[in-house]
Protein backbone atom coordinates (compact mmCIF):
# COMPACT_ATOMS: atom_id res chain seq x y z
CA MET A 1 0.00 0.00 0.00
CA ALA A 2 1.36 3.40 -0.96
CA LYS A 3 1.87 5.85 1.86
CA HIS A 4 -0.93 8.37 1.55
CA ASP A 5 -0.35 12.10 1.89
CA LEU A 6 -2.31 12.95 5.03
CA GLY A 7 -0.66 16.23 5.95
CA ASP A 8 1.19 16.67 9.23
CA LEU A 9 1.39 13.19 10.76
CA GLU A 10 2.62 14.54 14.08
CA VAL A 11 -0.52 16.66 14.47
CA ILE A 12 -2.64 13.62 13.60
CA ARG A 13 -0.68 11.50 16.10
CA ALA A 14 -1.25 13.99 18.91
CA ASN A 15 -4.97 14.27 18.14
CA LEU A 16 -5.40 10.50 18.02
CA GLU A 17 -3.51 10.17 21.29
CA GLY A 18 -6.01 12.52 22.94
CA TRP A 19 -8.91 10.63 21.37
CA LEU A 20 -7.65 7.31 22.71
CA ARG A 21 -7.14 8.76 26.18
CA ASP A 22 -10.81 9.75 26.19
CA LYS A 23 -12.08 6.41 24.90
CA ILE A 24 -9.99 3.89 26.87
CA PRO A 25 -10.59 3.55 30.62
CA ASN A 26 -7.64 4.59 32.83
CA ALA A 27 -5.65 5.84 29.85
CA GLN A 28 -4.95 9.43 30.89
CA GLN A 29 -1.20 8.77 30.56
CA LEU A 30 -1.40 6.81 27.29
CA ILE A 31 1.47 7.58 24.90
CA LEU A 32 0.97 6.97 21.19
CA SER A 33 4.14 6.27 19.23
CA GLU A 34 4.91 7.30 15.65
CA LEU A 35 2.21 6.37 13.16
CA SER A 36 2.94 3.83 10.44
CA PHE A 37 1.31 2.42 7.31
CA PRO A 38 0.78 -1.31 6.78
CA GLU A 39 2.89 -2.95 4.11
CA ALA A 40 1.59 -4.83 1.06
CA SER A 41 -2.10 -4.21 1.62
CA GLY A 42 -4.96 -2.56 -0.26
CA GLU A 43 -5.30 0.79 -1.97
CA SER A 44 -8.68 2.08 -0.85
CA SER A 45 -9.20 3.73 2.53
CA VAL A 46 -6.22 4.85 4.56
CA SER A 47 -5.09 2.50 7.31
CA LEU A 48 -2.77 3.71 10.05
CA ILE A 49 -1.14 1.39 12.54
CA LEU A 50 -1.19 2.82 16.05
CA ARG A 51 1.07 1.54 18.83
CA ALA A 52 0.58 2.86 22.34
CA GLU A 53 1.94 2.39 25.86
CA ASN A 54 -0.51 2.64 28.73
CA ASN A 55 0.54 1.89 32.30
CA GLY A 56 3.22 -0.52 31.13
CA GLU A 57 0.92 -2.29 28.66
CA THR A 58 1.54 -2.20 24.90
CA LEU A 59 -1.63 -1.69 22.87
CA GLY A 60 -2.25 -1.87 19.14
CA PHE A 61 -4.95 -0.25 17.02
CA ILE A 62 -5.86 0.47 13.42
CA CYS A 63 -7.26 3.85 12.37
CA ARG A 64 -9.27 3.99 9.14
CA MET A 65 -9.94 7.26 7.33
CA LYS A 66 -10.52 8.64 3.85
CA PRO A 67 -7.60 9.29 1.52
CA ARG A 68 -7.21 12.77 0.10
CA GLU A 69 -7.30 11.26 -3.37
CA SER A 70 -8.26 7.81 -4.68
CA GLN A 71 -7.73 6.23 -8.10
CA VAL A 72 -10.48 3.68 -7.45
CA PHE A 73 -13.26 4.95 -5.15
CA THR A 74 -15.20 8.16 -5.65
CA ASP A 75 -16.91 7.93 -2.26
CA HIS A 76 -15.85 6.60 1.13
CA ASP A 77 -18.79 5.99 3.44
CA LEU A 78 -16.91 5.29 6.64
CA PRO A 79 -20.01 5.26 8.90
CA MET A 80 -21.52 2.55 6.70
CA GLN A 81 -18.34 0.48 6.95
CA TYR A 82 -18.33 0.80 10.72
CA ASN A 83 -22.02 -0.09 11.04
CA LEU A 84 -21.60 -3.11 8.77
CA MET A 85 -18.79 -4.46 10.92
CA GLN A 86 -21.01 -4.07 13.96
CA MET A 87 -23.77 -5.96 12.15
CA ALA A 88 -21.37 -8.69 11.03
CA GLY A 89 -19.98 -9.15 14.53
CA GLU A 90 -23.50 -9.58 15.92
CA ASN A 91 -24.00 -12.44 13.45
CA GLY A 92 -20.93 -14.46 14.35
CA ILE A 93 -18.69 -13.10 11.62
CA PRO A 94 -15.20 -12.29 12.92
CA VAL A 95 -14.42 -8.57 12.83
CA PRO A 96 -11.89 -6.43 14.70
CA PRO A 97 -12.96 -5.01 18.08
CA LEU A 98 -14.43 -1.56 17.42
CA LEU A 99 -13.43 1.31 19.72
CA GLY A 100 -15.60 3.99 18.21
CA PHE A 101 -16.41 6.26 15.29
CA GLU A 102 -15.41 9.94 15.15
CA HIS A 103 -17.36 12.37 12.98
CA ASP A 104 -15.15 15.38 13.80
CA ALA A 105 -12.95 15.70 10.70
CA SER A 106 -10.79 18.42 12.28
CA LEU A 107 -8.72 15.85 14.17
CA THR A 108 -7.26 14.04 11.18
CA GLY A 109 -8.66 15.78 8.10
CA SER A 110 -11.37 13.15 7.80
CA ASP A 111 -13.92 11.36 9.91
CA PHE A 112 -12.43 8.07 11.10
CA TYR A 113 -12.90 4.98 13.20
CA ILE A 114 -10.49 2.98 15.31
CA MET A 115 -10.34 -0.77 15.75
CA GLY A 116 -8.30 -3.00 17.98
CA PHE A 117 -5.31 -4.65 16.33
CA VAL A 118 -6.03 -8.26 15.32
CA ASP A 119 -3.31 -10.90 15.29
CA GLY A 120 -2.88 -12.95 12.16
CA GLN A 121 -1.61 -12.92 8.60
CA ILE A 122 -2.96 -11.18 5.50
CA PRO A 123 -2.25 -12.47 1.97
CA THR A 124 -0.27 -9.78 0.18
CA ASP A 125 -1.63 -7.61 -2.65
CA ASN A 126 1.65 -6.06 -3.75
CA PRO A 127 3.06 -8.28 -5.04
CA PRO A 128 0.08 -10.67 -5.29
CA PHE A 129 0.49 -13.53 -2.86
CA ALA A 130 0.78 -16.12 -5.68
CA PHE A 131 4.25 -14.74 -6.44
CA GLY A 132 5.62 -15.94 -3.12
CA SER A 133 4.23 -15.50 0.37
CA TRP A 134 3.16 -17.43 3.41
CA VAL A 135 0.22 -18.68 1.30
CA THR A 136 2.54 -20.28 -1.26
CA GLU A 137 4.37 -22.09 1.55
CA LEU A 138 1.21 -23.95 2.58
CA SER A 139 0.46 -27.45 1.34
CA ASP A 140 -2.33 -28.00 -1.17
CA GLU A 141 -4.44 -29.47 1.62
CA GLN A 142 -3.88 -26.44 3.84
CA ARG A 143 -4.80 -24.01 1.07
CA ALA A 144 -7.95 -26.02 0.31
CA LEU A 145 -8.94 -25.78 3.98
CA MET A 146 -8.16 -22.06 4.09
CA TRP A 147 -10.31 -21.32 1.02
CA SER A 148 -13.13 -23.47 2.36
CA ASN A 149 -13.07 -21.67 5.72
CA GLY A 150 -13.12 -18.34 3.91
CA LEU A 151 -16.09 -19.33 1.81
CA ASN A 152 -17.92 -20.44 4.96
CA THR A 153 -17.45 -16.94 6.34
CA LEU A 154 -18.64 -15.38 3.09
CA ALA A 155 -21.76 -17.55 3.25
CA LYS A 156 -22.46 -16.29 6.79
CA ILE A 157 -22.47 -12.72 5.51
CA HIS A 158 -25.06 -13.66 2.91
CA GLN A 159 -27.24 -15.31 5.55
CA ILE A 160 -27.65 -12.21 7.73
CA ASN A 161 -31.33 -11.43 8.20
CA LEU A 162 -31.52 -7.83 6.99
CA ALA A 163 -35.06 -7.48 8.36
CA ASP A 164 -33.47 -7.23 11.82
CA TYR A 165 -31.57 -4.04 10.93
CA ASP A 166 -31.99 -0.53 9.61
CA VAL A 167 -30.38 -0.94 6.19
CA SER A 168 -31.41 2.45 4.81
CA GLY A 169 -27.77 3.55 4.60
CA ILE A 170 -26.59 0.54 2.60
CA PRO A 171 -26.46 0.97 -1.19
CA THR A 172 -29.14 -1.02 -3.00
CA SER A 173 -31.16 -0.93 -6.20
CA ASP A 174 -34.73 0.22 -6.56
CA LYS A 175 -37.13 -2.65 -5.97
CA ASN A 176 -38.22 -2.54 -9.61
CA ALA A 177 -34.66 -2.51 -10.96
CA SER A 178 -32.10 -5.26 -11.33
CA PRO A 179 -30.47 -6.27 -8.03
CA VAL A 180 -27.13 -5.23 -9.54
CA GLN A 181 -28.23 -1.84 -10.90
CA HIS A 182 -26.75 0.23 -8.08
CA GLU A 183 -23.43 -1.57 -8.63
CA LEU A 184 -23.61 -0.78 -12.33
CA ASP A 185 -24.31 2.88 -11.57
CA LYS A 186 -21.29 3.05 -9.28
CA PHE A 187 -19.16 1.16 -11.81
CA ASN A 188 -20.12 3.50 -14.66
CA GLN A 189 -18.88 6.47 -12.64
CA LEU A 190 -15.36 5.08 -13.08
CA ILE A 191 -15.58 5.33 -16.86
CA THR A 192 -14.58 8.85 -17.80
CA GLU A 193 -14.79 10.18 -21.35
CA ASP A 194 -11.01 9.93 -21.67
CA LEU A 195 -11.03 6.34 -20.45
CA ARG A 196 -13.82 5.37 -22.82
CA ALA A 197 -12.02 7.02 -25.75
CA THR A 198 -8.90 4.89 -25.24
CA MET A 199 -10.68 1.68 -24.18
CA GLU A 200 -9.83 -1.54 -25.99
CA PRO A 201 -12.80 -2.44 -28.27
CA THR A 202 -13.57 -5.78 -26.62
CA LEU A 203 -13.65 -4.15 -23.21
CA ALA A 204 -15.95 -1.41 -24.51
CA ARG A 205 -18.29 -4.05 -25.93
CA ALA A 206 -18.24 -5.89 -22.60
CA VAL A 207 -19.10 -2.70 -20.72
CA ASP A 208 -22.10 -2.23 -22.99
CA TYR A 209 -23.12 -5.88 -22.51
CA ILE A 210 -23.22 -5.76 -18.72
CA ASN A 211 -25.24 -2.53 -18.82
CA GLU A 212 -27.72 -3.90 -21.35
CA ASN A 213 -28.17 -7.38 -19.86
CA ALA A 214 -28.44 -6.89 -16.09
CA PRO A 215 -30.52 -9.74 -14.60
CA LYS A 216 -34.01 -8.63 -13.66
CA ALA A 217 -34.39 -11.28 -10.97
CA GLY A 218 -32.26 -12.47 -8.09
CA VAL A 219 -32.22 -12.62 -4.32
CA ARG A 220 -31.11 -9.57 -2.36
CA ARG A 221 -28.72 -10.07 0.53
CA LEU A 222 -25.87 -8.17 2.13
CA CYS A 223 -22.86 -8.39 -0.16
CA TRP A 224 -19.37 -7.77 1.19
CA GLY A 225 -18.33 -6.32 -2.16
CA ASP A 226 -14.56 -6.75 -2.08
CA SER A 227 -14.81 -10.41 -1.17
CA ARG A 228 -11.30 -11.84 -1.34
CA VAL A 229 -8.81 -13.68 0.83
CA GLY A 230 -6.61 -10.57 0.98
CA ASN A 231 -9.34 -8.75 2.92
CA ILE A 232 -9.27 -11.29 5.72
CA ILE A 233 -6.88 -11.53 8.65
CA TRP A 234 -6.12 -15.24 8.98
CA GLN A 235 -5.04 -17.28 11.97
CA ASP A 236 -4.53 -21.04 11.77
CA LEU A 237 -6.06 -21.03 8.25
CA THR A 238 -9.28 -19.58 9.68
CA PRO A 239 -10.66 -16.04 9.30
CA ASN A 240 -9.80 -14.03 12.41
CA ALA A 241 -11.28 -10.77 11.08
CA VAL A 242 -13.11 -9.67 7.94
CA ILE A 243 -12.00 -6.17 6.91
CA ASP A 244 -12.46 -3.61 4.10
CA TRP A 245 -16.20 -3.07 3.57
CA GLU A 246 -15.93 -0.10 1.15
CA MET A 247 -17.69 -1.92 -1.70
CA ALA A 248 -20.51 -3.41 0.39
CA GLY A 249 -24.13 -3.19 -0.68
CA ILE A 250 -27.37 -5.13 -0.92
CA GLY A 251 -27.70 -7.22 -4.07
CA ASP A 252 -27.44 -10.70 -5.50
CA PRO A 253 -24.70 -12.44 -3.47
CA VAL A 254 -23.63 -14.41 -6.55
CA GLN A 255 -21.56 -11.31 -7.36
CA ASP A 256 -19.56 -11.84 -4.13
CA VAL A 257 -18.92 -15.50 -4.96
CA SER A 258 -17.77 -14.60 -8.45
CA TRP A 259 -15.40 -11.89 -7.20
CA TRP A 260 -13.96 -14.31 -4.61
CA TYR A 261 -12.74 -16.50 -7.48
CA TRP A 262 -11.79 -14.03 -10.20
CA ILE A 263 -9.77 -11.57 -8.12
CA ASP A 264 -7.42 -14.42 -7.22
CA TYR A 265 -7.42 -16.06 -10.66
CA ILE A 266 -6.58 -12.92 -12.64
CA ASN A 267 -3.88 -11.87 -10.15
CA SER A 268 -2.12 -15.17 -10.70
CA VAL A 269 -2.87 -16.64 -14.12
CA GLY A 270 -3.30 -13.19 -15.65
CA LEU A 271 0.21 -12.30 -14.54
CA GLY A 272 1.72 -15.50 -15.87
CA VAL A 273 1.86 -17.47 -12.62
CA GLU A 274 0.24 -20.87 -12.28
CA ARG A 275 -2.70 -20.88 -9.90
CA LEU A 276 -1.74 -22.33 -6.54
CA GLY A 277 -2.50 -25.99 -5.91
CA GLY A 278 -5.39 -26.94 -3.69
CA LEU A 279 -7.61 -24.03 -4.71
CA PRO A 280 -11.12 -24.96 -5.85
CA SER A 281 -12.41 -24.35 -9.35
CA LEU A 282 -15.11 -21.79 -10.03
CA ASP A 283 -17.78 -24.49 -10.30
CA GLU A 284 -16.63 -26.01 -7.00
CA ILE A 285 -16.84 -22.62 -5.29
CA TYR A 286 -20.37 -22.02 -6.54
CA SER A 287 -21.43 -25.53 -5.47
CA GLN A 288 -19.96 -25.20 -1.98
CA TRP A 289 -21.55 -21.79 -1.47
CA HIS A 290 -24.95 -23.10 -2.60
CA ALA A 291 -24.68 -26.03 -0.20
CA LEU A 292 -23.88 -23.63 2.66
CA THR A 293 -26.58 -21.05 1.99
CA GLY A 294 -29.30 -22.82 0.03
CA LEU A 295 -29.43 -19.71 -2.16
CA PRO A 296 -29.84 -20.06 -5.92
CA ILE A 297 -26.89 -20.03 -8.31
CA GLU A 298 -28.30 -18.03 -11.20
CA HIS A 299 -26.86 -15.65 -13.80
CA THR A 300 -23.32 -16.79 -13.05
CA ASP A 301 -22.10 -16.06 -16.59
CA TYR A 302 -23.27 -12.47 -16.25
CA TYR A 303 -21.71 -11.94 -12.82
CA ASP A 304 -18.47 -13.57 -13.92
CA LEU A 305 -18.30 -11.13 -16.83
CA PHE A 306 -19.11 -8.23 -14.54
CA SER A 307 -16.29 -9.32 -12.21
CA VAL A 308 -13.61 -9.39 -14.91
CA VAL A 309 -14.88 -6.19 -16.58
CA ARG A 310 -14.94 -4.32 -13.28
CA PHE A 311 -11.42 -5.49 -12.52
CA ALA A 312 -10.29 -4.47 -16.01
CA ILE A 313 -11.74 -0.97 -15.59
CA ILE A 314 -10.09 -0.57 -12.18
CA LEU A 315 -6.76 -1.54 -13.76
CA ASP A 316 -7.29 0.79 -16.72
CA THR A 317 -8.03 3.64 -14.31
CA LYS A 318 -4.92 2.97 -12.25
CA PHE A 319 -2.67 2.40 -15.27
CA ALA A 320 -3.89 5.61 -16.93
CA ALA A 321 -3.04 7.58 -13.76
CA MET A 322 0.40 5.97 -13.65
CA GLU A 323 1.03 6.78 -17.32
CA LYS A 324 -0.07 10.38 -16.76
CA ALA A 325 2.45 10.58 -13.90
CA GLY A 326 5.22 9.56 -16.29
CA MET A 327 5.56 5.98 -15.05
CA GLY A 328 5.11 4.44 -18.51
CA ARG A 329 2.31 2.46 -20.09
CA ILE A 330 1.24 -0.92 -18.65
CA ASP A 331 -0.82 -3.39 -20.65
CA ASN A 332 -4.05 -4.48 -19.00
CA PHE A 333 -3.44 -8.15 -18.18
CA SER A 334 -7.12 -8.84 -17.48
CA LEU A 335 -8.30 -8.30 -21.08
CA PRO A 336 -8.01 -11.96 -22.22
CA PHE A 337 -10.45 -12.94 -19.47
CA VAL A 338 -12.87 -10.21 -20.51
CA GLU A 339 -12.83 -11.51 -24.08
CA ARG A 340 -13.34 -15.11 -22.97
CA GLN A 341 -16.24 -14.33 -20.63
CA LEU A 342 -17.88 -12.00 -23.13
CA LYS A 343 -17.88 -14.73 -25.78
CA LYS A 344 -19.40 -17.11 -23.25
CA CYS A 345 -22.20 -14.67 -22.43
CA GLU A 346 -22.91 -13.79 -26.04
CA ALA A 347 -23.13 -17.48 -26.95
CA SER A 348 -25.62 -18.32 -24.18
């Protein structure tokens, strides 16, 4: 993860130190050390690692806030993310301990929330874990167990009874629209005129296809959004905390299952690395998820295309920004998958 420009980190450190002293019992003498950024993690919201000493005890926290600029997300609804983690925790889904949400943006330049530090390991994004990481050192059997445990957790998210909660703040489609329409609307905001003008023709055709063929039917459940193993803190091959809820919404959970597979597949096979042994196929993932939830597996070809197209557009957006900054042009390695999935959809 790149180190974000947040302004004066010492001012932020002092303000967070005061905030923690107010929130933690018997912490009037708490001392917060220099702030740091996590290594090899995501590129969405800002994460700051906080280390503190309080009465001889060492404490660890994570502070989440908005970046000043983002190449991927146009909006960062931090209160929604915080509320969703509370909801998930109440339904047996592992999340970090939540210390509180702060709406006063004057302290850090953004509203923010703070979580307790969770022990465990996170599969790396940069470079992708398939290129060599603690995940590659596992046996095939261990990786199979890890992926199965992760999918079990994903299924629990999709089984939350939304009728028990006020979900008015969670993005969703109009009841008469496709369950995925709000995701399409958000996705289309990424496609600027400049990006569309330079878009590879097959990708442009695929963008048109997903907009013109959104499924009219489908169940509506809470979707994690960025459902991938790299957004889980793992301990003993089991999820210890589900993190990063920026892309969450209410829609057809098949989109979550699809993203769970494709984000890993493209970041390995698409970059010329053989997919790690022990990982289930796409059909196996859909079958296991259906067995866990009892929910229908419908419109998978469409959601698989949407997954690879969305990933391709995210890459195009990032690569265009890098080229504009003088870092050279990078070919979009996801395009072969877009072409393959588009042909599959058009033939069905």
